[in-house]
């Protein structure tokens, strides 16, 4: 299933991804630090949703309380919970 998540308090504005049988695929960040976010997407491609959440949740960027990686973890959690 395809999802779009509107990010908050980070440079990227949206995250598009698919969740199939508990596996995260086809991650695309809109906006933000292009190179870094492409790398995060590649590293997380095919990762189990629970592992992705555990790995990325709580990561911060600069003085912010969140980051694009943390927003991806939140997006995946929302998709799994059915609140997205």
PDB file of N, CA and C in Angstrom:
ATOM      1  N   UNK A   1       0.835  -1.171   0.000  1.00  0.00           N
ATOM      2  CA  UNK A   1       0.000   0.000   0.000  1.00  0.00           C
ATOM      3  C   UNK A   1       0.885   1.242   0.000  1.00  0.00           C
ATOM      4  N   UNK A   2       0.496   2.248  -0.780  1.00  0.00           N
ATOM      5  CA  UNK A   2       1.265   3.490  -0.885  1.00  0.00           C
ATOM      6  C   UNK A   2       0.785   4.506   0.149  1.00  0.00           C
ATOM      7  N   UNK A   3       1.755   5.250   0.697  1.00  0.00           N
ATOM      8  CA  UNK A   3       1.454   6.261   1.707  1.00  0.00           C
ATOM      9  C   UNK A   3       2.188   7.557   1.392  1.00  0.00           C
ATOM     10  N   UNK A   4       1.584   8.663   1.817  1.00  0.00           N
ATOM     11  CA  UNK A   4       2.214   9.975   1.782  1.00  0.00           C
ATOM     12  C   UNK A   4       2.095  10.565   3.174  1.00  0.00           C
ATOM     13  N   UNK A   5       3.218  11.014   3.710  1.00  0.00           N
ATOM     14  CA  UNK A   5       3.258  11.592   5.054  1.00  0.00           C
ATOM     15  C   UNK A   5       3.741  13.025   4.960  1.00  0.00           C
ATOM     16  N   UNK A   6       2.981  13.951   5.509  1.00  0.00           N
ATOM     17  CA  UNK A   6       3.371  15.364   5.569  1.00  0.00           C
ATOM     18  C   UNK A   6       4.266  15.548   6.791  1.00  0.00           C
ATOM     19  N   UNK A   7       5.513  15.917   6.560  1.00  0.00           N
ATOM     20  CA  UNK A   7       6.458  16.063   7.668  1.00  0.00           C
ATOM     21  C   UNK A   7       6.217  17.366   8.431  1.00  0.00           C
ATOM     22  N   UNK A   8       6.794  17.429   9.623  1.00  0.00           N
ATOM     23  CA  UNK A   8       6.685  18.625  10.472  1.00  0.00           C
ATOM     24  C   UNK A   8       8.051  18.973  11.048  1.00  0.00           C
ATOM     25  N   UNK A   9       8.359  20.252  11.024  1.00  0.00           N
ATOM     26  CA  UNK A   9       9.564  20.791  11.668  1.00  0.00           C
ATOM     27  C   UNK A   9      10.879  20.285  11.085  1.00  0.00           C
ATOM     28  N   UNK A  10      10.865  19.894   9.800  1.00  0.00           N
ATOM     29  CA  UNK A  10      12.092  19.479   9.121  1.00  0.00           C
ATOM     30  C   UNK A  10      12.134  20.126   7.732  1.00  0.00           C
ATOM     31  N   UNK A  11      13.246  19.976   7.049  1.00  0.00           N
ATOM     32  CA  UNK A  11      13.406  20.599   5.725  1.00  0.00           C
ATOM     33  C   UNK A  11      12.591  19.908   4.643  1.00  0.00           C
ATOM     34  N   UNK A  12      12.445  18.591   4.717  1.00  0.00           N
ATOM     35  CA  UNK A  12      11.619  17.913   3.717  1.00  0.00           C
ATOM     36  C   UNK A  12      10.149  18.207   4.025  1.00  0.00           C
ATOM     37  N   UNK A  13       9.317  18.167   2.985  1.00  0.00           N
ATOM     38  CA  UNK A  13       7.901  18.490   3.179  1.00  0.00           C
ATOM     39  C   UNK A  13       6.996  17.264   3.179  1.00  0.00           C
ATOM     40  N   UNK A  14       7.437  16.210   2.515  1.00  0.00           N
ATOM     41  CA  UNK A  14       6.644  14.983   2.431  1.00  0.00           C
ATOM     42  C   UNK A  14       7.559  13.776   2.314  1.00  0.00           C
ATOM     43  N   UNK A  15       6.999  12.625   2.700  1.00  0.00           N
ATOM     44  CA  UNK A  15       7.675  11.354   2.474  1.00  0.00           C
ATOM     45  C   UNK A  15       6.660  10.435   1.811  1.00  0.00           C
ATOM     46  N   UNK A  16       7.069   9.841   0.687  1.00  0.00           N
ATOM     47  CA  UNK A  16       6.245   8.854   0.005  1.00  0.00           C
ATOM     48  C   UNK A  16       6.911   7.494   0.205  1.00  0.00           C
ATOM     49  N   UNK A  17       6.120   6.478   0.489  1.00  0.00           N
ATOM     50  CA  UNK A  17       6.674   5.141   0.665  1.00  0.00           C
ATOM     51  C   UNK A  17       5.574   4.105   0.514  1.00  0.00           C
ATOM     52  N   UNK A  18       5.991   2.857   0.395  1.00  0.00           N
ATOM     53  CA  UNK A  18       5.058   1.741   0.348  1.00  0.00           C
ATOM     54  C   UNK A  18       5.341   0.823   1.515  1.00  0.00           C
ATOM     55  N   UNK A  19       4.297   0.192   1.993  1.00  0.00           N
ATOM     56  CA  UNK A  19       4.414  -0.781   3.069  1.00  0.00           C
ATOM     57  C   UNK A  19       3.709  -2.042   2.605  1.00  0.00           C
ATOM     58  N   UNK A  20       4.486  -3.112   2.421  1.00  0.00           N
ATOM     59  CA  UNK A  20       3.954  -4.382   1.950  1.00  0.00           C
ATOM     60  C   UNK A  20       4.418  -5.498   2.869  1.00  0.00           C
ATOM     61  N   UNK A  21       3.469  -6.186   3.481  1.00  0.00           N
ATOM     62  CA  UNK A  21       3.777  -7.305   4.383  1.00  0.00           C
ATOM     63  C   UNK A  21       4.816  -6.929   5.437  1.00  0.00           C
ATOM     64  N   UNK A  22       4.689  -5.723   5.990  1.00  0.00           N
ATOM     65  CA  UNK A  22       5.585  -5.276   7.047  1.00  0.00           C
ATOM     66  C   UNK A  22       6.942  -4.804   6.581  1.00  0.00           C
ATOM     67  N   UNK A  23       7.121  -4.656   5.257  1.00  0.00           N
ATOM     68  CA  UNK A  23       8.402  -4.230   4.694  1.00  0.00           C
ATOM     69  C   UNK A  23       8.219  -2.875   4.009  1.00  0.00           C
ATOM     70  N   UNK A  24       9.166  -1.967   4.249  1.00  0.00           N
ATOM     71  CA  UNK A  24       9.103  -0.619   3.698  1.00  0.00           C
ATOM     72  C   UNK A  24       9.855  -0.580   2.362  1.00  0.00           C
ATOM     73  N   UNK A  25       9.201   0.020   1.352  1.00  0.00           N
ATOM     74  CA  UNK A  25       9.785   0.065   0.014  1.00  0.00           C
ATOM     75  C   UNK A  25       9.541   1.420  -0.639  1.00  0.00           C
ATOM     76  N   UNK A  26      10.321   1.704  -1.665  1.00  0.00           N
ATOM     77  CA  UNK A  26      10.130   2.875  -2.532  1.00  0.00           C
ATOM     78  C   UNK A  26       9.992   4.185  -1.758  1.00  0.00           C
ATOM     79  N   UNK A  27      10.934   4.449  -0.889  1.00  0.00           N
ATOM     80  CA  UNK A  27      10.930   5.664  -0.061  1.00  0.00           C
ATOM     81  C   UNK A  27      11.435   6.843  -0.886  1.00  0.00           C
ATOM     82  N   UNK A  28      10.664   7.923  -0.878  1.00  0.00           N
ATOM     83  CA  UNK A  28      11.063   9.149  -1.574  1.00  0.00           C
ATOM     84  C   UNK A  28      10.749  10.335  -0.661  1.00  0.00           C
ATOM     85  N   UNK A  29      11.772  11.143  -0.393  1.00  0.00           N
ATOM     86  CA  UNK A  29      11.597  12.372   0.370  1.00  0.00           C
ATOM     87  C   UNK A  29      11.412  13.517  -0.617  1.00  0.00           C
ATOM     88  N   UNK A  30      10.497  14.420  -0.319  1.00  0.00           N
ATOM     89  CA  UNK A  30      10.291  15.617  -1.123  1.00  0.00           C
ATOM     90  C   UNK A  30      10.926  16.783  -0.370  1.00  0.00           C
ATOM     91  N   UNK A  31      11.905  17.423  -1.010  1.00  0.00           N
ATOM     92  CA  UNK A  31      12.629  18.510  -0.363  1.00  0.00           C
ATOM     93  C   UNK A  31      13.697  17.969   0.578  1.00  0.00           C
ATOM     94  N   UNK A  32      14.301  18.859   1.315  1.00  0.00           N
ATOM     95  CA  UNK A  32      15.319  18.460   2.282  1.00  0.00           C
ATOM     96  C   UNK A  32      16.697  18.304   1.665  1.00  0.00           C
ATOM     97  N   UNK A  33      17.584  17.679   2.386  1.00  0.00           N
ATOM     98  CA  UNK A  33      18.975  17.467   1.969  1.00  0.00           C
ATOM     99  C   UNK A  33      19.029  16.287   1.008  1.00  0.00           C
ATOM    100  N   UNK A  34      19.019  16.572  -0.260  1.00  0.00           N
ATOM    101  CA  UNK A  34      18.858  15.576  -1.311  1.00  0.00           C
ATOM    102  C   UNK A  34      19.770  14.358  -1.154  1.00  0.00           C
ATOM    103  N   UNK A  35      21.046  14.566  -1.052  1.00  0.00           N
ATOM    104  CA  UNK A  35      21.988  13.445  -0.970  1.00  0.00           C
ATOM    105  C   UNK A  35      21.789  12.595   0.264  1.00  0.00           C
ATOM    106  N   UNK A  36      21.661  13.238   1.411  1.00  0.00           N
ATOM    107  CA  UNK A  36      21.483  12.492   2.656  1.00  0.00           C
ATOM    108  C   UNK A  36      20.174  11.708   2.657  1.00  0.00           C
ATOM    109  N   UNK A  37      19.120  12.316   2.143  1.00  0.00           N
ATOM    110  CA  UNK A  37      17.823  11.639   2.169  1.00  0.00           C
ATOM    111  C   UNK A  37      17.759  10.509   1.153  1.00  0.00           C
ATOM    112  N   UNK A  38      18.469  10.642   0.032  1.00  0.00           N
ATOM    113  CA  UNK A  38      18.564   9.517  -0.907  1.00  0.00           C
ATOM    114  C   UNK A  38      19.301   8.360  -0.242  1.00  0.00           C
ATOM    115  N   UNK A  39      20.330   8.664   0.527  1.00  0.00           N
ATOM    116  CA  UNK A  39      21.094   7.623   1.222  1.00  0.00           C
ATOM    117  C   UNK A  39      20.226   6.923   2.266  1.00  0.00           C
ATOM    118  N   UNK A  40      19.471   7.687   3.048  1.00  0.00           N
ATOM    119  CA  UNK A  40      18.576   7.090   4.043  1.00  0.00           C
ATOM    120  C   UNK A  40      17.579   6.175   3.346  1.00  0.00           C
ATOM    121  N   UNK A  41      17.007   6.645   2.235  1.00  0.00           N
ATOM    122  CA  UNK A  41      16.028   5.838   1.495  1.00  0.00           C
ATOM    123  C   UNK A  41      16.654   4.532   1.013  1.00  0.00           C
ATOM    124  N   UNK A  42      17.875   4.589   0.484  1.00  0.00           N
ATOM    125  CA  UNK A  42      18.552   3.381   0.007  1.00  0.00           C
ATOM    126  C   UNK A  42      18.845   2.419   1.152  1.00  0.00           C
ATOM    127  N   UNK A  43      19.312   2.952   2.264  1.00  0.00           N
ATOM    128  CA  UNK A  43      19.646   2.102   3.410  1.00  0.00           C
ATOM    129  C   UNK A  43      18.420   1.434   4.013  1.00  0.00           C
ATOM    130  N   UNK A  44      17.269   2.101   3.927  1.00  0.00           N
ATOM    131  CA  UNK A  44      16.045   1.581   4.529  1.00  0.00           C
ATOM    132  C   UNK A  44      15.213   0.740   3.561  1.00  0.00           C
ATOM    133  N   UNK A  45      15.560   0.750   2.294  1.00  0.00           N
ATOM    134  CA  UNK A  45      14.817  -0.011   1.288  1.00  0.00           C
ATOM    135  C   UNK A  45      14.795  -1.502   1.660  1.00  0.00           C
ATOM    136  N   UNK A  46      13.596  -2.063   1.727  1.00  0.00           N
ATOM    137  CA  UNK A  46      13.441  -3.478   2.045  1.00  0.00           C
ATOM    138  C   UNK A  46      13.545  -3.815   3.524  1.00  0.00           C
ATOM    139  N   UNK A  47      13.661  -2.801   4.370  1.00  0.00           N
ATOM    140  CA  UNK A  47      13.791  -3.020   5.811  1.00  0.00           C
ATOM    141  C   UNK A  47      12.428  -3.321   6.430  1.00  0.00           C
ATOM    142  N   UNK A  48      12.403  -4.200   7.403  1.00  0.00           N
ATOM    143  CA  UNK A  48      11.169  -4.451   8.138  1.00  0.00           C
ATOM    144  C   UNK A  48      10.774  -3.180   8.871  1.00  0.00           C
ATOM    145  N   UNK A  49       9.481  -2.882   8.856  1.00  0.00           N
ATOM    146  CA  UNK A  49       8.967  -1.644   9.434  1.00  0.00           C
ATOM    147  C   UNK A  49       9.367  -1.484  10.896  1.00  0.00           C
ATOM    148  N   UNK A  50       9.258  -2.539  11.674  1.00  0.00           N
ATOM    149  CA  UNK A  50       9.604  -2.441  13.104  1.00  0.00           C
ATOM    150  C   UNK A  50      11.073  -2.095  13.302  1.00  0.00           C
ATOM    151  N   UNK A  51      11.949  -2.689  12.491  1.00  0.00           N
ATOM    152  CA  UNK A  51      13.376  -2.386  12.610  1.00  0.00           C
ATOM    153  C   UNK A  51      13.647  -0.944  12.210  1.00  0.00           C
ATOM    154  N   UNK A  52      13.006  -0.479  11.137  1.00  0.00           N
ATOM    155  CA  UNK A  52      13.175   0.902  10.706  1.00  0.00           C
ATOM    156  C   UNK A  52      12.770   1.855  11.826  1.00  0.00           C
ATOM    157  N   UNK A  53      11.633   1.597  12.445  1.00  0.00           N
ATOM    158  CA  UNK A  53      11.172   2.457  13.542  1.00  0.00           C
ATOM    159  C   UNK A  53      12.181   2.474  14.682  1.00  0.00           C
ATOM    160  N   UNK A  54      12.646   1.298  15.092  1.00  0.00           N
ATOM    161  CA  UNK A  54      13.609   1.224  16.206  1.00  0.00           C
ATOM    162  C   UNK A  54      14.903   1.946  15.867  1.00  0.00           C
ATOM    163  N   UNK A  55      15.339   1.843  14.622  1.00  0.00           N
ATOM    164  CA  UNK A  55      16.618   2.413  14.208  1.00  0.00           C
ATOM    165  C   UNK A  55      16.570   3.929  14.084  1.00  0.00           C
ATOM    166  N   UNK A  56      15.494   4.462  13.513  1.00  0.00           N
ATOM    167  CA  UNK A  56      15.448   5.887  13.192  1.00  0.00           C
ATOM    168  C   UNK A  56      14.711   6.762  14.203  1.00  0.00           C
ATOM    169  N   UNK A  57      13.823   6.188  14.978  1.00  0.00           N
ATOM    170  CA  UNK A  57      13.021   6.984  15.924  1.00  0.00           C
ATOM    171  C   UNK A  57      13.924   7.702  16.921  1.00  0.00           C
ATOM    172  N   UNK A  58      13.632   8.979  17.117  1.00  0.00           N
ATOM    173  CA  UNK A  58      14.362   9.765  18.105  1.00  0.00           C
ATOM    174  C   UNK A  58      15.591  10.479  17.572  1.00  0.00           C
ATOM    175  N   UNK A  59      15.983  10.213  16.324  1.00  0.00           N
ATOM    176  CA  UNK A  59      17.109  10.940  15.739  1.00  0.00           C
ATOM    177  C   UNK A  59      16.730  12.405  15.597  1.00  0.00           C
ATOM    178  N   UNK A  60      17.659  13.282  15.902  1.00  0.00           N
ATOM    179  CA  UNK A  60      17.405  14.719  15.813  1.00  0.00           C
ATOM    180  C   UNK A  60      18.319  15.348  14.776  1.00  0.00           C
ATOM    181  N   UNK A  61      18.012  16.586  14.397  1.00  0.00           N
ATOM    182  CA  UNK A  61      18.806  17.329  13.420  1.00  0.00           C
ATOM    183  C   UNK A  61      19.063  18.719  13.978  1.00  0.00           C
ATOM    184  N   UNK A  62      20.315  19.049  14.145  1.00  0.00           N
ATOM    185  CA  UNK A  62      20.654  20.354  14.708  1.00  0.00           C
ATOM    186  C   UNK A  62      19.999  20.525  16.065  1.00  0.00           C
ATOM    187  N   UNK A  63      19.361  21.648  16.277  1.00  0.00           N
ATOM    188  CA  UNK A  63      18.686  21.908  17.548  1.00  0.00           C
ATOM    189  C   UNK A  63      17.229  21.481  17.549  1.00  0.00           C
ATOM    190  N   UNK A  64      16.787  20.804  16.486  1.00  0.00           N
ATOM    191  CA  UNK A  64      15.392  20.389  16.381  1.00  0.00           C
ATOM    192  C   UNK A  64      15.136  19.125  17.197  1.00  0.00           C
ATOM    193  N   UNK A  65      13.896  18.935  17.584  1.00  0.00           N
ATOM    194  CA  UNK A  65      13.519  17.751  18.354  1.00  0.00           C
ATOM    195  C   UNK A  65      13.247  16.544  17.459  1.00  0.00           C
ATOM    196  N   UNK A  66      13.385  16.728  16.151  1.00  0.00           N
ATOM    197  CA  UNK A  66      13.116  15.669  15.195  1.00  0.00           C
ATOM    198  C   UNK A  66      14.101  15.787  14.036  1.00  0.00           C
ATOM    199  N   UNK A  67      13.988  14.906  13.073  1.00  0.00           N
ATOM    200  CA  UNK A  67      14.807  14.931  11.857  1.00  0.00           C
ATOM    201  C   UNK A  67      14.001  14.265  10.756  1.00  0.00           C
ATOM    202  N   UNK A  68      14.506  14.308   9.551  1.00  0.00           N
ATOM    203  CA  UNK A  68      13.813  13.627   8.453  1.00  0.00           C
ATOM    204  C   UNK A  68      13.780  12.119   8.704  1.00  0.00           C
ATOM    205  N   UNK A  69      14.836  11.577   9.266  1.00  0.00           N
ATOM    206  CA  UNK A  69      14.865  10.149   9.595  1.00  0.00           C
ATOM    207  C   UNK A  69      13.814   9.821  10.659  1.00  0.00           C
ATOM    208  N   UNK A  70      13.720  10.647  11.686  1.00  0.00           N
ATOM    209  CA  UNK A  70      12.706  10.462  12.722  1.00  0.00           C
ATOM    210  C   UNK A  70      11.307  10.589  12.126  1.00  0.00           C
ATOM    211  N   UNK A  71      11.138  11.517  11.195  1.00  0.00           N
ATOM    212  CA  UNK A  71       9.834  11.677  10.548  1.00  0.00           C
ATOM    213  C   UNK A  71       9.478  10.425   9.738  1.00  0.00           C
ATOM    214  N   UNK A  72      10.463   9.788   9.117  1.00  0.00           N
ATOM    215  CA  UNK A  72      10.207   8.537   8.404  1.00  0.00           C
ATOM    216  C   UNK A  72       9.752   7.464   9.383  1.00  0.00           C
ATOM    217  N   UNK A  73      10.393   7.370  10.524  1.00  0.00           N
ATOM    218  CA  UNK A  73       9.974   6.398  11.539  1.00  0.00           C
ATOM    219  C   UNK A  73       8.540   6.678  11.993  1.00  0.00           C
ATOM    220  N   UNK A  74       8.211   7.940  12.183  1.00  0.00           N
ATOM    221  CA  UNK A  74       6.850   8.302  12.584  1.00  0.00           C
ATOM    222  C   UNK A  74       5.845   7.972  11.487  1.00  0.00           C
ATOM    223  N   UNK A  75       6.239   8.190  10.238  1.00  0.00           N
ATOM    224  CA  UNK A  75       5.360   7.894   9.100  1.00  0.00           C
ATOM    225  C   UNK A  75       5.069   6.406   9.024  1.00  0.00           C
ATOM    226  N   UNK A  76       6.088   5.604   9.170  1.00  0.00           N
ATOM    227  CA  UNK A  76       5.915   4.142   9.104  1.00  0.00           C
ATOM    228  C   UNK A  76       5.047   3.665  10.263  1.00  0.00           C
ATOM    229  N   UNK A  77       5.274   4.225  11.444  1.00  0.00           N
ATOM    230  CA  UNK A  77       4.451   3.864  12.597  1.00  0.00           C
ATOM    231  C   UNK A  77       2.983   4.213  12.350  1.00  0.00           C
ATOM    232  N   UNK A  78       2.728   5.400  11.814  1.00  0.00           N
ATOM    233  CA  UNK A  78       1.360   5.834  11.528  1.00  0.00           C
ATOM    234  C   UNK A  78       0.711   4.923  10.480  1.00  0.00           C
ATOM    235  N   UNK A  79       1.479   4.522   9.486  1.00  0.00           N
ATOM    236  CA  UNK A  79       0.941   3.622   8.455  1.00  0.00           C
ATOM    237  C   UNK A  79       0.603   2.265   9.076  1.00  0.00           C
ATOM    238  N   UNK A  80       1.468   1.759   9.936  1.00  0.00           N
ATOM    239  CA  UNK A  80       1.204   0.460  10.574  1.00  0.00           C
ATOM    240  C   UNK A  80       0.026   0.528  11.529  1.00  0.00           C
ATOM    241  N   UNK A  81      -0.130   1.664  12.195  1.00  0.00           N
ATOM    242  CA  UNK A  81      -1.234   1.841  13.152  1.00  0.00           C
ATOM    243  C   UNK A  81      -2.573   2.126  12.462  1.00  0.00           C
ATOM    244  N   UNK A  82      -2.512   2.438  11.182  1.00  0.00           N
ATOM    245  CA  UNK A  82      -3.711   2.768  10.442  1.00  0.00           C
ATOM    246  C   UNK A  82      -4.166   4.195  10.617  1.00  0.00           C
ATOM    247  N   UNK A  83      -3.294   5.053  11.175  1.00  0.00           N
ATOM    248  CA  UNK A  83      -3.675   6.446  11.394  1.00  0.00           C
ATOM    249  C   UNK A  83      -3.180   7.369  10.277  1.00  0.00           C
ATOM    250  N   UNK A  84      -2.632   6.790   9.226  1.00  0.00           N
ATOM    251  CA  UNK A  84      -2.153   7.591   8.097  1.00  0.00           C
ATOM    252  C   UNK A  84      -3.019   7.346   6.880  1.00  0.00           C
TER     253      UNK A  84
END
